[in-house]
N, C-alpha and C. Protein backbone atom coordinates (compact mmCIF):
# COMPACT_ATOMS: atom_id res chain seq x y z
N MET A 1 0.84 -1.17 0.00
CA MET A 1 0.00 0.00 0.00
C MET A 1 0.89 1.24 0.00
N LEU A 2 0.54 2.22 -0.81
CA LEU A 2 1.26 3.49 -0.86
C LEU A 2 0.57 4.51 0.04
N VAL A 3 1.38 5.25 0.77
CA VAL A 3 0.86 6.28 1.67
C VAL A 3 1.70 7.55 1.51
N VAL A 4 1.12 8.68 1.89
CA VAL A 4 1.81 9.95 1.82
C VAL A 4 2.36 10.30 3.20
N ASN A 5 3.64 10.58 3.25
CA ASN A 5 4.27 11.07 4.48
C ASN A 5 3.97 12.56 4.53
N LYS A 6 3.05 12.96 5.40
CA LYS A 6 2.58 14.35 5.47
C LYS A 6 3.70 15.32 5.84
N GLU A 7 4.69 14.86 6.56
CA GLU A 7 5.80 15.73 6.95
C GLU A 7 6.68 16.09 5.76
N LYS A 8 6.75 15.21 4.78
CA LYS A 8 7.57 15.46 3.60
C LYS A 8 6.81 16.14 2.46
N CYS A 9 5.51 15.93 2.39
CA CYS A 9 4.70 16.43 1.27
C CYS A 9 4.68 17.96 1.26
N ASN A 10 4.96 18.54 0.08
CA ASN A 10 4.91 20.00 -0.04
C ASN A 10 3.63 20.47 -0.74
N GLY A 11 2.76 19.55 -1.13
CA GLY A 11 1.48 19.91 -1.71
C GLY A 11 1.54 20.46 -3.12
N ASP A 12 2.61 20.17 -3.87
CA ASP A 12 2.74 20.72 -5.22
C ASP A 12 1.79 20.06 -6.23
N ALA A 13 1.18 18.96 -5.87
CA ALA A 13 0.13 18.28 -6.64
C ALA A 13 0.62 17.60 -7.92
N VAL A 14 1.91 17.44 -8.09
CA VAL A 14 2.42 16.73 -9.27
C VAL A 14 1.85 15.31 -9.29
N CYS A 15 1.82 14.67 -8.16
CA CYS A 15 1.32 13.30 -8.07
C CYS A 15 -0.14 13.19 -8.51
N THR A 16 -0.94 14.19 -8.19
CA THR A 16 -2.36 14.14 -8.57
C THR A 16 -2.52 14.18 -10.08
N MET A 17 -1.65 14.88 -10.76
CA MET A 17 -1.73 14.99 -12.22
C MET A 17 -1.23 13.74 -12.92
N LEU A 18 -0.34 12.99 -12.28
CA LEU A 18 0.26 11.83 -12.91
C LEU A 18 -0.44 10.52 -12.59
N CYS A 19 -1.31 10.51 -11.62
CA CYS A 19 -1.99 9.27 -11.23
C CYS A 19 -3.03 8.88 -12.29
N PRO A 20 -2.84 7.73 -12.95
CA PRO A 20 -3.78 7.32 -13.99
C PRO A 20 -5.16 6.93 -13.45
N MET A 21 -5.23 6.64 -12.16
CA MET A 21 -6.49 6.23 -11.55
C MET A 21 -7.20 7.40 -10.85
N GLU A 22 -6.58 8.57 -10.85
CA GLU A 22 -7.11 9.74 -10.14
C GLU A 22 -7.39 9.40 -8.67
N ALA A 23 -6.45 8.66 -8.07
CA ALA A 23 -6.60 8.19 -6.70
C ALA A 23 -5.95 9.12 -5.68
N ILE A 24 -5.35 10.21 -6.15
CA ILE A 24 -4.66 11.13 -5.25
C ILE A 24 -5.31 12.51 -5.34
N ALA A 25 -5.50 13.11 -4.19
CA ALA A 25 -6.06 14.46 -4.13
C ALA A 25 -5.30 15.26 -3.08
N ILE A 26 -5.49 16.55 -3.11
CA ILE A 26 -4.91 17.43 -2.10
C ILE A 26 -6.00 17.74 -1.09
N GLY A 27 -5.71 17.48 0.18
CA GLY A 27 -6.69 17.68 1.24
C GLY A 27 -6.73 19.12 1.73
N GLU A 28 -7.61 19.37 2.66
CA GLU A 28 -7.76 20.70 3.25
C GLU A 28 -6.48 21.17 3.94
N ASP A 29 -5.64 20.22 4.34
CA ASP A 29 -4.37 20.58 4.99
C ASP A 29 -3.29 20.95 3.98
N GLY A 30 -3.63 20.89 2.68
CA GLY A 30 -2.68 21.23 1.64
C GLY A 30 -1.71 20.12 1.29
N LYS A 31 -1.98 18.94 1.80
CA LYS A 31 -1.11 17.78 1.58
C LYS A 31 -1.87 16.73 0.76
N ALA A 32 -1.11 15.93 0.02
CA ALA A 32 -1.71 14.88 -0.79
C ALA A 32 -2.21 13.73 0.09
N PHE A 33 -3.22 13.05 -0.40
CA PHE A 33 -3.64 11.80 0.22
C PHE A 33 -4.06 10.84 -0.88
N ILE A 34 -3.90 9.56 -0.60
CA ILE A 34 -4.17 8.51 -1.58
C ILE A 34 -5.41 7.73 -1.17
N ASP A 35 -6.35 7.60 -2.10
CA ASP A 35 -7.52 6.76 -1.90
C ASP A 35 -7.09 5.33 -2.21
N THR A 36 -6.83 4.56 -1.19
CA THR A 36 -6.27 3.22 -1.37
C THR A 36 -7.23 2.28 -2.09
N ASP A 37 -8.53 2.59 -2.08
CA ASP A 37 -9.49 1.76 -2.82
C ASP A 37 -9.34 1.96 -4.33
N GLN A 38 -8.87 3.13 -4.75
CA GLN A 38 -8.71 3.44 -6.17
C GLN A 38 -7.30 3.17 -6.68
N CYS A 39 -6.32 3.21 -5.80
CA CYS A 39 -4.91 3.06 -6.17
C CYS A 39 -4.61 1.66 -6.69
N MET A 40 -3.93 1.59 -7.85
CA MET A 40 -3.55 0.29 -8.40
C MET A 40 -2.06 0.01 -8.19
N GLU A 41 -1.40 0.86 -7.40
CA GLU A 41 0.01 0.72 -7.07
C GLU A 41 0.90 0.62 -8.31
N CYS A 42 0.74 1.58 -9.20
CA CYS A 42 1.58 1.64 -10.40
C CYS A 42 2.90 2.37 -10.11
N PHE A 43 2.96 3.06 -8.97
CA PHE A 43 4.14 3.78 -8.49
C PHE A 43 4.49 5.02 -9.30
N ALA A 44 3.61 5.48 -10.19
CA ALA A 44 3.86 6.72 -10.95
C ALA A 44 4.01 7.90 -10.00
N CYS A 45 3.21 7.93 -8.96
CA CYS A 45 3.28 9.03 -7.99
C CYS A 45 4.58 8.99 -7.21
N GLN A 46 4.96 7.80 -6.80
CA GLN A 46 6.17 7.66 -5.99
C GLN A 46 7.42 8.06 -6.76
N THR A 47 7.50 7.66 -8.00
CA THR A 47 8.69 7.97 -8.78
C THR A 47 8.74 9.44 -9.19
N SER A 48 7.60 10.11 -9.21
CA SER A 48 7.57 11.51 -9.63
C SER A 48 7.66 12.50 -8.47
N CYS A 49 7.54 12.04 -7.25
CA CYS A 49 7.52 12.95 -6.10
C CYS A 49 8.93 13.46 -5.77
N SER A 50 9.14 14.75 -5.96
CA SER A 50 10.45 15.34 -5.70
C SER A 50 10.81 15.37 -4.22
N GLN A 51 9.81 15.24 -3.37
CA GLN A 51 10.04 15.27 -1.93
C GLN A 51 10.18 13.85 -1.33
N GLU A 52 10.02 12.84 -2.17
CA GLU A 52 10.04 11.44 -1.71
C GLU A 52 9.05 11.23 -0.57
N ALA A 53 7.87 11.84 -0.74
CA ALA A 53 6.84 11.79 0.31
C ALA A 53 5.91 10.60 0.18
N ILE A 54 5.97 9.91 -0.93
CA ILE A 54 5.08 8.75 -1.11
C ILE A 54 5.88 7.50 -0.83
N GLU A 55 5.39 6.77 0.16
CA GLU A 55 6.14 5.62 0.68
C GLU A 55 5.29 4.36 0.61
N GLU A 56 5.96 3.25 0.46
CA GLU A 56 5.29 1.96 0.48
C GLU A 56 5.19 1.51 1.94
N GLN A 57 4.02 1.05 2.31
CA GLN A 57 3.81 0.63 3.69
C GLN A 57 3.40 -0.82 3.74
């Protein structure tokens, strides 16, 4: 399962644009979150995150 490390996330939303499943959104806190029911674990978000905020759990 992929999760967002909120301490590392800068909220630039690059991951939301690259997710083919549209499983990532920016929350009210300005940080990304992943809808694990929609995520197919293609790792596009993880490889594109400049902050290395998306981690496998």
